[in-house]
Amino acid sequence: MSTNQEYPGLRHLPCVWMRGGTSKAAFFHARDLPAEAEARDRLLLQVMGGGDPRQVDGIGGGHPLTTKIAVISVSGMPGVDIDYLFGQVVLGENRIDYAPTCGNILAAVAPFALEEGLLDCQQDKTRVRIRMVNTGGLCEAWVDTPGGRVNYQGGTRISGVPGTAAPLELHFSNVAGSSCGALYPTGSKRDSFAGVEVTCIDNGMPVVLLRAADLGVSGYESPAELDANQPLKARVEEVRLLAGERMGLGDVRNKVVPKMSLVAAPQDGGAICTRTFIPKICHDAIGVLGAASVATACADPETICRGLVVLPVDGAFSVEHPTGEFTITLRDSGDGAPGIALLRTARPLFKGEVLIA
């Protein structure tokens, strides 16, 4: 980070703004940030807009899906290429939550690493092995690199993103219990909190599944309708606080996990229908690893999804959400927990320097 003659008195921090899946994040090299965590966070909060919910004096978008940070570096771990630290700036609270990771932003990590010269592109496709620093989970990303260059053009369409783009294959391993220590962190596949039966699961993302009908809604409402339903949101939060403790996450009052997913029978040919709170605003879609946890619960006949889920014949679970669907393929990982495979798309939106007063 430095000053220069173009904007005297301001600090300049290299940054690439990238879309990964249905989210956007500011990407930084770890080498450009302070090594000490507190100093790093002070700087990043200045960049994103600090505690202002509108983030008007920073580059954050004033919405949970557009106020994210990725810090990238070459990994020192054997068998791993890139370390990815994810940060969720908590709107209006002037802090960054590092408890979860983000699978959507993860989709942009491999293209960033290749474009920034942290790794060399191979011919046709390049494999990038990524460690999610937040949780310790591993992901193998396959990027289209014809002629040794990252390609962003293609025919892959994902719900929630206009147009089509090149596919990014993501294969996850070692993510079961990555935040909570176990796939079913309460020790049970069904629990009851505040009189509501739930399934608590962590296959890459801590999620609490609740039947929508048990909360007096259909599960097919729009996010805006659910956000306007204050009694519903208060009930969901009551369950979340109790479940978070039992899942080993402690007091989750100021944490963005666990996510809360209302489930209902599918409407559009999928396996299950979802409405997910992240954790207090209803998501327009569903997160990558949140969908993976939901799909894993759907595959287990002992969870609350029984009687609602339509099981696929090929292990590819289509998780319906407000703006479309998200297909998660579950595979035998050999360790007793399902492995996860999926397709995403990503691309850079701008590259330059953030100016900091």
Protein backbone atom coordinates (compact mmCIF):
# COMPACT_ATOMS: atom_id res chain seq x y z
CA MET A 1 0.00 0.00 0.00
CA SER A 2 1.35 3.43 -0.92
CA THR A 3 0.54 6.98 -1.88
CA ASN A 4 1.25 8.43 -5.31
CA GLN A 5 1.06 11.76 -7.16
CA GLU A 6 -2.39 11.18 -8.66
CA TYR A 7 -4.26 11.51 -5.36
CA PRO A 8 -1.81 13.03 -2.88
CA GLY A 9 -2.55 12.24 0.76
CA LEU A 10 -4.58 9.12 0.01
CA ARG A 11 -3.38 5.56 0.44
CA HIS A 12 -3.67 3.20 -2.52
CA LEU A 13 -4.52 -0.49 -2.02
CA PRO A 14 -4.57 -2.93 -4.98
CA CYS A 15 -7.95 -4.62 -5.32
CA VAL A 16 -9.90 -6.76 -7.78
CA TRP A 17 -13.69 -6.72 -7.50
CA MET A 18 -15.01 -10.12 -8.56
CA ARG A 19 -18.29 -11.91 -8.95
CA GLY A 20 -18.27 -15.46 -7.67
CA GLY A 21 -21.54 -17.31 -8.24
CA THR A 22 -24.33 -15.03 -7.01
CA SER A 23 -22.15 -12.84 -4.76
CA LYS A 24 -19.49 -10.16 -5.17
CA ALA A 25 -16.36 -9.51 -3.12
CA ALA A 26 -13.29 -7.31 -2.94
CA PHE A 27 -10.22 -9.51 -3.51
CA PHE A 28 -6.87 -8.64 -1.96
CA HIS A 29 -3.42 -10.20 -1.85
CA ALA A 30 -2.46 -11.05 1.72
CA ARG A 31 0.96 -9.52 0.97
CA ASP A 32 -0.66 -6.09 0.48
CA LEU A 33 -2.36 -6.09 3.89
CA PRO A 34 -0.99 -5.70 7.42
CA ALA A 35 0.13 -9.02 8.87
CA GLU A 36 -1.43 -8.23 12.26
CA ALA A 37 -5.13 -9.17 12.23
CA GLU A 38 -6.46 -6.12 14.10
CA ALA A 39 -4.59 -3.68 11.84
CA ARG A 40 -5.72 -5.62 8.77
CA ASP A 41 -9.36 -5.44 9.83
CA ARG A 42 -9.20 -1.70 10.56
CA LEU A 43 -7.91 -1.14 7.05
CA LEU A 44 -10.47 -3.42 5.39
CA LEU A 45 -13.35 -1.80 7.29
CA GLN A 46 -12.19 1.59 5.98
CA VAL A 47 -12.14 0.14 2.48
CA MET A 48 -15.64 -1.34 2.69
CA GLY A 49 -17.35 1.52 4.49
CA GLY A 50 -17.03 0.66 8.16
CA GLY A 51 -20.07 0.72 10.39
CA ASP A 52 -22.32 2.69 8.03
CA PRO A 53 -25.19 0.41 6.92
CA ARG A 54 -25.18 2.17 3.51
CA GLN A 55 -21.37 1.94 3.23
CA VAL A 56 -21.54 5.28 1.41
CA ASP A 57 -17.86 6.11 2.16
CA GLY A 58 -16.54 2.75 1.00
CA ILE A 59 -16.88 0.20 -1.78
CA GLY A 60 -19.27 -2.14 0.04
CA GLY A 61 -22.70 -2.55 -1.52
CA GLY A 62 -24.84 -2.14 1.62
CA HIS A 63 -26.17 -5.71 1.30
CA PRO A 64 -24.82 -8.97 2.79
CA LEU A 65 -24.19 -10.42 -0.69
CA THR A 66 -22.06 -7.47 -1.81
CA THR A 67 -20.06 -6.61 1.30
CA LYS A 68 -17.64 -9.52 1.27
CA ILE A 69 -13.84 -9.77 1.33
CA ALA A 70 -11.41 -12.41 0.06
CA VAL A 71 -7.75 -12.43 1.12
CA ILE A 72 -5.63 -14.66 -1.11
CA SER A 73 -2.10 -16.05 -0.80
CA VAL A 74 0.05 -18.94 -1.98
CA SER A 75 -0.39 -21.80 0.48
CA GLY A 76 2.44 -23.34 2.42
CA MET A 77 0.51 -26.58 3.03
CA PRO A 78 1.58 -29.71 1.14
CA GLY A 79 -0.86 -30.57 -1.62
CA VAL A 80 -2.54 -27.14 -1.51
CA ASP A 81 -1.99 -24.30 -3.99
CA ILE A 82 -3.91 -21.33 -2.58
CA ASP A 83 -5.11 -20.16 0.83
CA TYR A 84 -8.45 -18.32 0.83
CA LEU A 85 -9.55 -16.30 3.85
CA PHE A 86 -13.15 -15.09 3.63
CA GLY A 87 -14.52 -12.11 5.56
CA GLN A 88 -18.15 -11.03 5.87
CA VAL A 89 -18.45 -7.36 6.79
CA VAL A 90 -21.38 -7.12 9.21
CA LEU A 91 -23.50 -4.19 8.11
CA GLY A 92 -23.79 -1.37 10.64
CA GLU A 93 -21.54 -3.09 13.20
CA ASN A 94 -18.04 -2.07 12.03
CA ARG A 95 -16.65 -5.60 12.25
CA ILE A 96 -15.74 -8.53 10.03
CA ASP A 97 -17.03 -12.03 10.73
CA TYR A 98 -14.56 -14.78 9.84
CA ALA A 99 -16.60 -17.66 11.32
CA PRO A 100 -18.02 -19.01 8.04
CA THR A 101 -16.55 -19.40 4.61
CA CYS A 102 -18.39 -18.54 1.36
CA GLY A 103 -18.71 -21.05 -1.46
CA ASN A 104 -19.92 -18.49 -4.00
CA ILE A 105 -16.88 -16.26 -3.52
CA LEU A 106 -14.73 -19.40 -3.53
CA ALA A 107 -15.69 -19.81 -7.20
CA ALA A 108 -13.69 -16.69 -8.03
CA VAL A 109 -10.55 -17.69 -6.09
CA ALA A 110 -8.98 -19.88 -8.78
CA PRO A 111 -9.46 -17.34 -11.62
CA PHE A 112 -8.03 -14.59 -9.38
CA ALA A 113 -4.99 -16.71 -8.47
CA LEU A 114 -4.30 -17.53 -12.12
CA GLU A 115 -4.83 -14.00 -13.43
CA GLU A 116 -2.65 -12.53 -10.68
CA GLY A 117 0.23 -14.90 -11.42
CA LEU A 118 0.09 -16.87 -8.16
CA LEU A 119 -0.13 -20.02 -10.30
CA ASP A 120 0.54 -20.85 -13.93
CA CYS A 121 -2.28 -21.80 -16.28
CA GLN A 122 -2.13 -25.20 -17.93
CA GLN A 123 -3.53 -26.09 -21.34
CA ASP A 124 -7.31 -26.54 -21.70
CA LYS A 125 -8.10 -26.89 -17.96
CA THR A 126 -6.18 -25.94 -14.83
CA ARG A 127 -6.66 -27.55 -11.44
CA VAL A 128 -6.35 -25.25 -8.42
CA ARG A 129 -6.34 -26.78 -4.93
CA ILE A 130 -7.74 -24.31 -2.41
CA ARG A 131 -7.73 -24.32 1.38
CA MET A 132 -10.60 -22.46 3.03
CA VAL A 133 -8.68 -20.88 5.91
CA ASN A 134 -11.84 -20.13 7.92
CA THR A 135 -12.90 -23.77 8.23
CA GLY A 136 -9.94 -25.86 7.05
CA GLY A 137 -12.01 -27.41 4.26
CA LEU A 138 -10.48 -28.18 0.89
CA CYS A 139 -11.77 -27.50 -2.61
CA GLU A 140 -10.44 -28.59 -5.99
CA ALA A 141 -11.42 -26.06 -8.68
CA TRP A 142 -11.16 -26.75 -12.40
CA VAL A 143 -10.91 -23.64 -14.59
CA ASP A 144 -11.22 -23.41 -18.38
CA THR A 145 -7.79 -22.23 -19.61
CA PRO A 146 -7.63 -22.80 -23.38
CA GLY A 147 -4.27 -21.70 -24.75
CA GLY A 148 -3.04 -21.11 -21.21
CA ARG A 149 -5.42 -18.21 -20.50
CA VAL A 150 -8.45 -18.04 -18.20
CA ASN A 151 -11.67 -18.17 -20.24
CA TYR A 152 -14.84 -16.50 -18.99
CA GLN A 153 -17.10 -17.10 -22.01
CA GLY A 154 -19.33 -20.15 -22.17
CA GLY A 155 -22.81 -21.61 -22.08
CA THR A 156 -23.20 -22.37 -18.37
CA ARG A 157 -26.15 -20.62 -16.75
CA ILE A 158 -26.68 -20.43 -12.98
CA SER A 159 -29.81 -19.15 -11.26
CA GLY A 160 -29.53 -15.60 -10.00
CA VAL A 161 -26.94 -14.48 -12.58
CA PRO A 162 -27.96 -13.07 -15.98
CA GLY A 163 -26.51 -14.58 -19.13
CA THR A 164 -24.08 -17.47 -19.45
CA ALA A 165 -20.38 -17.97 -18.76
CA ALA A 166 -17.62 -20.58 -18.65
CA PRO A 167 -18.21 -23.36 -16.12
CA LEU A 168 -16.14 -23.65 -12.96
CA GLU A 169 -16.14 -27.14 -11.46
CA LEU A 170 -15.84 -27.22 -7.68
CA HIS A 171 -15.17 -30.46 -5.80
CA PHE A 172 -15.21 -30.24 -2.00
CA SER A 173 -13.63 -32.60 0.50
CA ASN A 174 -13.04 -32.54 4.25
CA VAL A 175 -15.93 -30.11 4.79
CA ALA A 176 -18.25 -32.21 6.97
CA GLY A 177 -18.31 -30.61 10.41
CA SER A 178 -15.87 -27.94 9.25
CA SER A 179 -17.34 -25.31 11.58
CA CYS A 180 -19.06 -27.45 14.22
CA GLY A 181 -16.86 -30.54 14.42
CA ALA A 182 -19.45 -33.05 13.20
CA LEU A 183 -21.89 -33.50 10.32
CA TYR A 184 -24.76 -33.56 12.84
CA PRO A 185 -23.24 -31.36 15.57
CA THR A 186 -25.95 -31.84 18.19
CA GLY A 187 -25.47 -35.62 18.05
CA SER A 188 -29.00 -36.04 16.70
CA LYS A 189 -30.59 -35.79 13.26
CA ARG A 190 -33.68 -34.17 14.76
CA ASP A 191 -33.92 -31.71 17.63
CA SER A 192 -36.57 -29.40 19.05
CA PHE A 193 -35.93 -25.77 20.00
CA ALA A 194 -38.65 -23.39 21.21
CA GLY A 195 -41.21 -26.00 20.21
CA VAL A 196 -39.98 -26.27 16.60
CA GLU A 197 -38.56 -29.53 15.23
CA VAL A 198 -35.32 -28.97 13.30
CA THR A 199 -32.31 -30.67 11.76
CA CYS A 200 -28.91 -29.14 12.52
CA ILE A 201 -26.26 -30.04 9.96
CA ASP A 202 -22.80 -28.88 8.86
CA ASN A 203 -21.53 -30.21 5.54
CA GLY A 204 -19.48 -27.12 4.76
CA MET A 205 -21.89 -24.60 6.29
CA PRO A 206 -23.77 -24.77 9.61
CA VAL A 207 -27.47 -24.82 8.72
CA VAL A 208 -30.64 -25.31 10.75
CA LEU A 209 -33.49 -26.74 8.68
CA LEU A 210 -37.07 -26.01 9.73
CA ARG A 211 -40.30 -27.10 8.03
CA ALA A 212 -41.98 -23.92 6.79
CA ALA A 213 -45.42 -25.26 7.69
CA ASP A 214 -44.37 -25.64 11.34
CA LEU A 215 -43.88 -21.86 11.44
CA GLY A 216 -47.20 -21.03 9.84
CA VAL A 217 -45.93 -20.21 6.35
CA SER A 218 -45.90 -22.12 3.07
CA GLY A 219 -42.21 -21.81 2.24
CA TYR A 220 -43.11 -20.41 -1.19
CA GLU A 221 -43.32 -16.75 -0.13
CA SER A 222 -41.01 -14.16 -1.65
CA PRO A 223 -38.02 -12.97 0.38
CA ALA A 224 -39.70 -9.58 0.76
CA GLU A 225 -42.82 -11.20 2.25
CA LEU A 226 -40.78 -13.20 4.72
CA ASP A 227 -38.64 -10.19 5.68
CA ALA A 228 -41.83 -8.25 6.43
CA ASN A 229 -43.12 -11.02 8.71
CA GLN A 230 -41.64 -9.83 12.01
CA PRO A 231 -43.24 -12.53 14.22
CA LEU A 232 -41.80 -15.20 11.93
CA LYS A 233 -38.34 -13.65 11.98
CA ALA A 234 -38.42 -13.37 15.77
CA ARG A 235 -39.34 -17.07 16.04
CA VAL A 236 -36.60 -18.09 13.60
CA GLU A 237 -34.04 -16.06 15.56
CA GLU A 238 -35.18 -17.60 18.85
CA VAL A 239 -34.57 -21.05 17.38
CA ARG A 240 -31.24 -19.94 15.90
CA LEU A 241 -29.84 -18.75 19.22
CA LEU A 242 -30.77 -22.01 20.94
CA ALA A 243 -29.55 -24.20 18.08
CA GLY A 244 -26.26 -22.30 17.79
CA GLU A 245 -25.37 -23.15 21.37
CA ARG A 246 -26.15 -26.85 20.87
CA MET A 247 -24.16 -26.91 17.61
CA GLY A 248 -21.03 -25.83 19.47
CA LEU A 249 -20.99 -22.33 17.99
CA GLY A 250 -21.50 -20.58 21.32
CA ASP A 251 -23.51 -17.38 21.54
CA VAL A 252 -24.40 -16.69 17.88
CA ARG A 253 -26.19 -13.40 18.56
CA ASN A 254 -23.45 -11.52 16.69
CA LYS A 255 -22.47 -14.29 14.26
CA VAL A 256 -23.67 -14.94 10.72
CA VAL A 257 -23.95 -18.69 11.35
CA PRO A 258 -25.87 -20.87 11.56
CA LYS A 259 -27.96 -20.10 8.49
CA MET A 260 -31.67 -20.85 8.86
CA SER A 261 -33.40 -22.65 5.99
CA LEU A 262 -37.17 -23.12 5.79
CA VAL A 263 -37.98 -26.20 3.71
CA ALA A 264 -41.09 -27.26 1.84
CA ALA A 265 -42.00 -29.75 -0.87
CA PRO A 266 -40.55 -28.80 -4.28
CA GLN A 267 -42.66 -26.84 -6.75
CA ASP A 268 -40.60 -26.83 -9.93
CA GLY A 269 -39.28 -30.33 -10.40
CA GLY A 270 -36.49 -30.12 -7.83
CA ALA A 271 -35.74 -32.13 -4.71
CA ILE A 272 -36.72 -29.57 -2.05
CA CYS A 273 -37.85 -25.93 -1.85
CA THR A 274 -35.98 -23.52 0.43
CA ARG A 275 -36.16 -20.04 1.89
CA THR A 276 -32.91 -19.25 3.69
CA PHE A 277 -32.11 -16.51 6.22
CA ILE A 278 -28.44 -15.38 6.21
CA PRO A 279 -29.08 -15.24 9.11
CA LYS A 280 -31.59 -12.40 9.62
CA ILE A 281 -32.35 -11.35 6.04
CA CYS A 282 -34.06 -13.75 3.63
CA HIS A 283 -31.63 -14.69 0.83
CA ASP A 284 -32.75 -14.13 -2.78
CA ALA A 285 -31.13 -17.50 -3.53
CA ILE A 286 -29.07 -19.85 -1.35
CA GLY A 287 -25.35 -20.07 -0.65
CA VAL A 288 -23.15 -22.78 -2.17
CA LEU A 289 -22.26 -24.59 1.03
CA GLY A 290 -25.65 -23.86 2.55
CA ALA A 291 -27.19 -25.70 -0.41
CA ALA A 292 -24.70 -28.54 0.12
CA SER A 293 -25.79 -28.93 3.75
CA VAL A 294 -29.47 -28.85 2.73
CA ALA A 295 -28.90 -31.46 0.01
CA THR A 296 -27.05 -33.69 2.48
CA ALA A 297 -29.98 -33.53 4.89
CA CYS A 298 -32.36 -34.34 2.03
CA ALA A 299 -30.42 -37.53 1.29
CA ASP A 300 -30.84 -38.75 4.88
CA PRO A 301 -34.27 -40.30 5.63
CA GLU A 302 -33.91 -39.56 9.35
CA THR A 303 -33.96 -35.75 9.04
CA ILE A 304 -36.98 -33.43 9.01
CA CYS A 305 -36.84 -33.41 5.19
CA ARG A 306 -38.49 -36.83 5.12
CA GLY A 307 -41.92 -36.58 3.53
CA LEU A 308 -41.01 -33.36 1.71
CA VAL A 309 -38.03 -34.29 -0.46
CA VAL A 310 -38.28 -35.83 -3.93
CA LEU A 311 -35.18 -38.02 -4.19
CA PRO A 312 -33.22 -37.83 -7.46
CA VAL A 313 -32.11 -40.99 -9.22
CA ASP A 314 -28.57 -39.78 -9.93
CA GLY A 315 -27.50 -38.15 -6.65
CA ALA A 316 -27.92 -34.65 -8.12
CA PHE A 317 -30.16 -32.71 -5.72
CA SER A 318 -31.86 -29.65 -7.20
CA VAL A 319 -32.38 -27.25 -4.29
CA GLU A 320 -35.09 -24.76 -5.25
CA HIS A 321 -34.80 -21.17 -3.99
CA PRO A 322 -36.56 -17.84 -4.69
CA THR A 323 -34.69 -17.09 -7.94
CA GLY A 324 -34.24 -20.58 -9.36
CA GLU A 325 -32.41 -23.72 -8.27
CA PHE A 326 -28.99 -24.94 -7.23
CA THR A 327 -27.88 -28.45 -8.17
CA ILE A 328 -25.61 -30.24 -5.70
CA THR A 329 -24.17 -33.65 -6.56
CA LEU A 330 -23.41 -35.84 -3.55
CA ARG A 331 -20.66 -38.42 -3.91
CA ASP A 332 -19.11 -41.06 -1.69
CA SER A 333 -16.06 -39.43 -0.14
CA GLY A 334 -14.94 -42.58 1.66
CA ASP A 335 -14.99 -40.92 5.10
CA GLY A 336 -18.65 -41.47 5.96
CA ALA A 337 -19.79 -37.97 4.91
CA PRO A 338 -20.98 -37.11 1.40
CA GLY A 339 -18.52 -35.35 -0.88
CA ILE A 340 -19.85 -32.38 -2.85
CA ALA A 341 -19.54 -31.40 -6.50
CA LEU A 342 -21.15 -28.46 -8.29
CA LEU A 343 -20.84 -25.91 -11.08
CA ARG A 344 -20.49 -22.15 -10.64
CA THR A 345 -19.38 -19.23 -12.81
CA ALA A 346 -17.22 -16.23 -11.96
CA ARG A 347 -15.52 -13.22 -13.51
CA PRO A 348 -13.57 -10.08 -12.59
CA LEU A 349 -15.60 -6.84 -12.58
CA PHE A 350 -12.82 -4.30 -12.13
CA LYS A 351 -9.17 -4.14 -11.21
CA GLY A 352 -7.42 -1.15 -9.72
CA GLU A 353 -6.70 0.53 -6.40
CA VAL A 354 -8.97 1.42 -3.53
CA LEU A 355 -8.30 4.94 -2.25
CA ILE A 356 -8.25 5.26 1.54
CA ALA A 357 -8.40 8.56 3.40
